Amino acid sequence: MKIKSSTVLRNDYNAISTLAHESQEPIYITKNGEGDVVLMSVDAFENREQVLKHRAAILEAEFSRLSGEPTYSVDEVRKMLKEKYRNA
């Protein structure tokens, strides 16, 4: 975890930007000694968002499975798709 003051951000933005790109992790910016904002590169943010979307999809699928909705193996899905396109 990287922590920098708002003064460093204000006085040396380029160094903070470089750090964000190189570390690919959030940088916590403090103001008057207290946490204020979190800064990260666009790539790191987009990667984080993608991971969160995948996790949400997995969690939703697991809830569906636990609630008793039917599940299918890869072979079963392959067979259903072949049947569907054979009849199309």
N, C-alpha and C. Protein backbone atom coordinates (compact mmCIF):
# COMPACT_ATOMS: atom_id res chain seq x y z
N MET A 1 0.85 -1.17 0.00
CA MET A 1 0.00 0.00 0.00
C MET A 1 0.90 1.23 0.00
N LYS A 2 0.61 2.13 -0.92
CA LYS A 2 1.35 3.38 -1.04
C LYS A 2 0.52 4.51 -0.44
N ILE A 3 1.16 5.33 0.37
CA ILE A 3 0.49 6.48 0.98
C ILE A 3 1.32 7.72 0.70
N LYS A 4 0.66 8.74 0.16
CA LYS A 4 1.32 10.01 -0.16
C LYS A 4 0.42 11.14 0.31
N SER A 5 1.03 12.27 0.61
CA SER A 5 0.25 13.43 1.05
C SER A 5 -0.27 14.20 -0.16
N SER A 6 -1.31 14.98 0.07
CA SER A 6 -1.85 15.80 -1.01
C SER A 6 -0.82 16.82 -1.48
N THR A 7 0.10 17.21 -0.59
CA THR A 7 1.16 18.15 -0.97
C THR A 7 2.05 17.53 -2.04
N VAL A 8 2.40 16.26 -1.87
CA VAL A 8 3.23 15.59 -2.88
C VAL A 8 2.47 15.51 -4.20
N LEU A 9 1.19 15.20 -4.13
CA LEU A 9 0.38 15.14 -5.34
C LEU A 9 0.35 16.50 -6.03
N ARG A 10 0.15 17.54 -5.28
CA ARG A 10 0.07 18.89 -5.83
C ARG A 10 1.41 19.34 -6.41
N ASN A 11 2.50 19.04 -5.70
CA ASN A 11 3.82 19.55 -6.11
C ASN A 11 4.54 18.66 -7.12
N ASP A 12 4.20 17.37 -7.16
CA ASP A 12 4.93 16.47 -8.05
C ASP A 12 4.00 15.41 -8.63
N TYR A 13 3.00 15.89 -9.37
CA TYR A 13 2.01 14.99 -9.97
C TYR A 13 2.68 13.92 -10.82
N ASN A 14 3.69 14.29 -11.61
CA ASN A 14 4.33 13.33 -12.50
C ASN A 14 4.91 12.15 -11.74
N ALA A 15 5.50 12.39 -10.58
CA ALA A 15 6.06 11.30 -9.79
C ALA A 15 4.95 10.38 -9.28
N ILE A 16 3.83 10.95 -8.85
CA ILE A 16 2.71 10.14 -8.37
C ILE A 16 2.11 9.34 -9.53
N SER A 17 1.97 9.97 -10.68
CA SER A 17 1.45 9.28 -11.86
C SER A 17 2.35 8.10 -12.24
N THR A 18 3.65 8.34 -12.25
CA THR A 18 4.61 7.28 -12.57
C THR A 18 4.51 6.14 -11.56
N LEU A 19 4.41 6.48 -10.29
CA LEU A 19 4.27 5.47 -9.24
C LEU A 19 3.00 4.64 -9.44
N ALA A 20 1.91 5.30 -9.78
CA ALA A 20 0.64 4.59 -10.01
C ALA A 20 0.75 3.62 -11.17
N HIS A 21 1.41 4.05 -12.24
CA HIS A 21 1.56 3.18 -13.41
C HIS A 21 2.52 2.03 -13.13
N GLU A 22 3.59 2.31 -12.43
CA GLU A 22 4.59 1.27 -12.16
C GLU A 22 4.10 0.25 -11.14
N SER A 23 3.43 0.72 -10.10
CA SER A 23 3.01 -0.18 -9.02
C SER A 23 1.73 -0.94 -9.37
N GLN A 24 0.90 -0.36 -10.24
CA GLN A 24 -0.38 -0.95 -10.60
C GLN A 24 -1.25 -1.25 -9.37
N GLU A 25 -1.10 -0.42 -8.35
CA GLU A 25 -1.92 -0.56 -7.15
C GLU A 25 -2.38 0.82 -6.70
N PRO A 26 -3.41 0.87 -5.87
CA PRO A 26 -3.92 2.17 -5.41
C PRO A 26 -2.89 2.94 -4.58
N ILE A 27 -2.95 4.25 -4.70
CA ILE A 27 -2.13 5.15 -3.88
C ILE A 27 -3.10 5.96 -3.03
N TYR A 28 -2.94 5.86 -1.74
CA TYR A 28 -3.80 6.57 -0.81
C TYR A 28 -3.24 7.97 -0.61
N ILE A 29 -4.07 8.97 -0.83
CA ILE A 29 -3.67 10.37 -0.69
C ILE A 29 -4.27 10.90 0.61
N THR A 30 -3.40 11.48 1.44
CA THR A 30 -3.86 12.03 2.72
C THR A 30 -3.98 13.54 2.63
N LYS A 31 -4.84 14.09 3.47
CA LYS A 31 -5.01 15.54 3.58
C LYS A 31 -5.06 15.84 5.06
N ASN A 32 -4.14 16.68 5.52
CA ASN A 32 -4.02 17.00 6.95
C ASN A 32 -3.85 15.74 7.80
N GLY A 33 -3.12 14.78 7.26
CA GLY A 33 -2.81 13.56 8.00
C GLY A 33 -3.90 12.51 8.00
N GLU A 34 -5.02 12.77 7.36
CA GLU A 34 -6.14 11.83 7.31
C GLU A 34 -6.33 11.34 5.88
N GLY A 35 -6.81 10.11 5.73
CA GLY A 35 -7.11 9.58 4.40
C GLY A 35 -8.13 10.46 3.70
N ASP A 36 -7.90 10.73 2.42
CA ASP A 36 -8.79 11.63 1.68
C ASP A 36 -9.31 10.96 0.41
N VAL A 37 -8.41 10.56 -0.49
CA VAL A 37 -8.80 9.94 -1.76
C VAL A 37 -7.83 8.82 -2.10
N VAL A 38 -8.24 8.01 -3.07
CA VAL A 38 -7.39 6.94 -3.58
C VAL A 38 -7.19 7.19 -5.06
N LEU A 39 -5.96 7.08 -5.51
CA LEU A 39 -5.61 7.33 -6.90
C LEU A 39 -5.01 6.06 -7.48
N MET A 40 -5.37 5.73 -8.72
CA MET A 40 -4.76 4.58 -9.39
C MET A 40 -4.77 4.82 -10.89
N SER A 41 -3.92 4.08 -11.60
CA SER A 41 -3.87 4.23 -13.05
C SER A 41 -5.17 3.71 -13.66
N VAL A 42 -5.48 4.16 -14.85
CA VAL A 42 -6.69 3.72 -15.54
C VAL A 42 -6.60 2.21 -15.79
N ASP A 43 -5.45 1.71 -16.20
CA ASP A 43 -5.29 0.27 -16.45
C ASP A 43 -5.56 -0.54 -15.18
N ALA A 44 -5.01 -0.11 -14.06
CA ALA A 44 -5.22 -0.82 -12.80
C ALA A 44 -6.69 -0.77 -12.41
N PHE A 45 -7.34 0.37 -12.61
CA PHE A 45 -8.76 0.50 -12.29
C PHE A 45 -9.60 -0.43 -13.16
N GLU A 46 -9.34 -0.43 -14.47
CA GLU A 46 -10.11 -1.28 -15.38
C GLU A 46 -9.90 -2.76 -15.07
N ASN A 47 -8.67 -3.15 -14.74
CA ASN A 47 -8.40 -4.53 -14.35
C ASN A 47 -9.17 -4.89 -13.08
N ARG A 48 -9.17 -3.99 -12.13
CA ARG A 48 -9.89 -4.22 -10.87
C ARG A 48 -11.38 -4.37 -11.13
N GLU A 49 -11.93 -3.50 -11.97
CA GLU A 49 -13.36 -3.59 -12.31
C GLU A 49 -13.68 -4.92 -12.97
N GLN A 50 -12.82 -5.38 -13.87
CA GLN A 50 -13.04 -6.65 -14.56
C GLN A 50 -13.04 -7.81 -13.56
N VAL A 51 -12.09 -7.80 -12.63
CA VAL A 51 -12.03 -8.85 -11.60
C VAL A 51 -13.31 -8.84 -10.77
N LEU A 52 -13.77 -7.66 -10.40
CA LEU A 52 -15.00 -7.56 -9.61
C LEU A 52 -16.22 -8.07 -10.38
N LYS A 53 -16.29 -7.79 -11.67
CA LYS A 53 -17.39 -8.30 -12.49
C LYS A 53 -17.36 -9.82 -12.56
N HIS A 54 -16.16 -10.38 -12.73
CA HIS A 54 -16.02 -11.85 -12.78
C HIS A 54 -16.44 -12.47 -11.45
N ARG A 55 -15.99 -11.87 -10.36
CA ARG A 55 -16.35 -12.39 -9.04
C ARG A 55 -17.86 -12.33 -8.83
N ALA A 56 -18.50 -11.25 -9.26
CA ALA A 56 -19.95 -11.12 -9.11
C ALA A 56 -20.67 -12.20 -9.93
N ALA A 57 -20.18 -12.46 -11.13
CA ALA A 57 -20.80 -13.49 -11.97
C ALA A 57 -20.64 -14.88 -11.35
N ILE A 58 -19.48 -15.15 -10.79
CA ILE A 58 -19.24 -16.44 -10.13
C ILE A 58 -20.14 -16.57 -8.91
N LEU A 59 -20.25 -15.52 -8.13
CA LEU A 59 -21.09 -15.55 -6.94
C LEU A 59 -22.56 -15.76 -7.32
N GLU A 60 -23.01 -15.10 -8.36
CA GLU A 60 -24.39 -15.27 -8.82
C GLU A 60 -24.62 -16.71 -9.27
N ALA A 61 -23.68 -17.28 -10.00
CA ALA A 61 -23.81 -18.67 -10.44
C ALA A 61 -23.82 -19.62 -9.25
N GLU A 62 -23.01 -19.35 -8.26
CA GLU A 62 -22.97 -20.20 -7.08
C GLU A 62 -24.28 -20.11 -6.29
N PHE A 63 -24.85 -18.91 -6.17
CA PHE A 63 -26.15 -18.77 -5.51
C PHE A 63 -27.23 -19.55 -6.27
N SER A 64 -27.18 -19.49 -7.60
CA SER A 64 -28.14 -20.23 -8.41
C SER A 64 -28.00 -21.73 -8.17
N ARG A 65 -26.78 -22.21 -8.13
CA ARG A 65 -26.52 -23.63 -7.90
C ARG A 65 -27.03 -24.04 -6.53
N LEU A 66 -26.74 -23.21 -5.51
CA LEU A 66 -27.16 -23.54 -4.15
C LEU A 66 -28.68 -23.49 -3.98
N SER A 67 -29.36 -22.68 -4.80
CA SER A 67 -30.81 -22.59 -4.69
C SER A 67 -31.51 -23.71 -5.45
N GLY A 68 -30.73 -24.61 -6.05
CA GLY A 68 -31.32 -25.78 -6.69
C GLY A 68 -31.53 -25.68 -8.18
N GLU A 69 -31.10 -24.60 -8.79
CA GLU A 69 -31.23 -24.52 -10.25
C GLU A 69 -30.35 -25.59 -10.89
N PRO A 70 -30.77 -26.12 -12.03
CA PRO A 70 -30.01 -27.21 -12.64
C PRO A 70 -28.61 -26.75 -13.08
N THR A 71 -27.68 -27.68 -12.99
CA THR A 71 -26.32 -27.43 -13.46
C THR A 71 -26.02 -28.42 -14.57
N TYR A 72 -25.06 -28.07 -15.42
CA TYR A 72 -24.72 -28.90 -16.57
C TYR A 72 -23.21 -29.03 -16.68
N SER A 73 -22.77 -30.20 -17.10
CA SER A 73 -21.36 -30.41 -17.34
C SER A 73 -21.01 -29.85 -18.72
N VAL A 74 -19.73 -29.73 -19.00
CA VAL A 74 -19.30 -29.25 -20.31
C VAL A 74 -19.80 -30.18 -21.40
N ASP A 75 -19.73 -31.46 -21.17
CA ASP A 75 -20.20 -32.43 -22.17
C ASP A 75 -21.70 -32.29 -22.42
N GLU A 76 -22.47 -32.05 -21.35
CA GLU A 76 -23.92 -31.88 -21.51
C GLU A 76 -24.24 -30.63 -22.32
N VAL A 77 -23.53 -29.55 -22.05
CA VAL A 77 -23.75 -28.30 -22.78
C VAL A 77 -23.36 -28.48 -24.25
N ARG A 78 -22.23 -29.13 -24.49
CA ARG A 78 -21.79 -29.39 -25.86
C ARG A 78 -22.85 -30.18 -26.61
N LYS A 79 -23.41 -31.21 -25.97
CA LYS A 79 -24.43 -32.04 -26.59
C LYS A 79 -25.69 -31.22 -26.88
N MET A 80 -26.11 -30.36 -25.93
CA MET A 80 -27.29 -29.52 -26.14
C MET A 80 -27.08 -28.55 -27.30
N LEU A 81 -25.88 -27.97 -27.39
CA LEU A 81 -25.60 -27.03 -28.49
C LEU A 81 -25.60 -27.73 -29.83
N LYS A 82 -25.00 -28.91 -29.89
CA LYS A 82 -25.00 -29.68 -31.15
C LYS A 82 -26.42 -29.99 -31.58
N GLU A 83 -27.23 -30.40 -30.61
CA GLU A 83 -28.64 -30.72 -30.90
C GLU A 83 -29.38 -29.48 -31.38
N LYS A 84 -29.16 -28.37 -30.73
CA LYS A 84 -29.84 -27.12 -31.09
C LYS A 84 -29.49 -26.71 -32.52
N TYR A 85 -28.20 -26.76 -32.87
CA TYR A 85 -27.80 -26.30 -34.19
C TYR A 85 -28.08 -27.32 -35.27
N ARG A 86 -28.20 -28.56 -34.88
CA ARG A 86 -28.58 -29.60 -35.84
C ARG A 86 -30.03 -29.39 -36.27
N ASN A 87 -30.87 -28.95 -35.33
CA ASN A 87 -32.29 -28.74 -35.62
C ASN A 87 -32.60 -27.34 -36.15
N ALA A 88 -31.64 -26.48 -36.21
CA ALA A 88 -31.88 -25.09 -36.64
C ALA A 88 -31.99 -24.95 -38.13
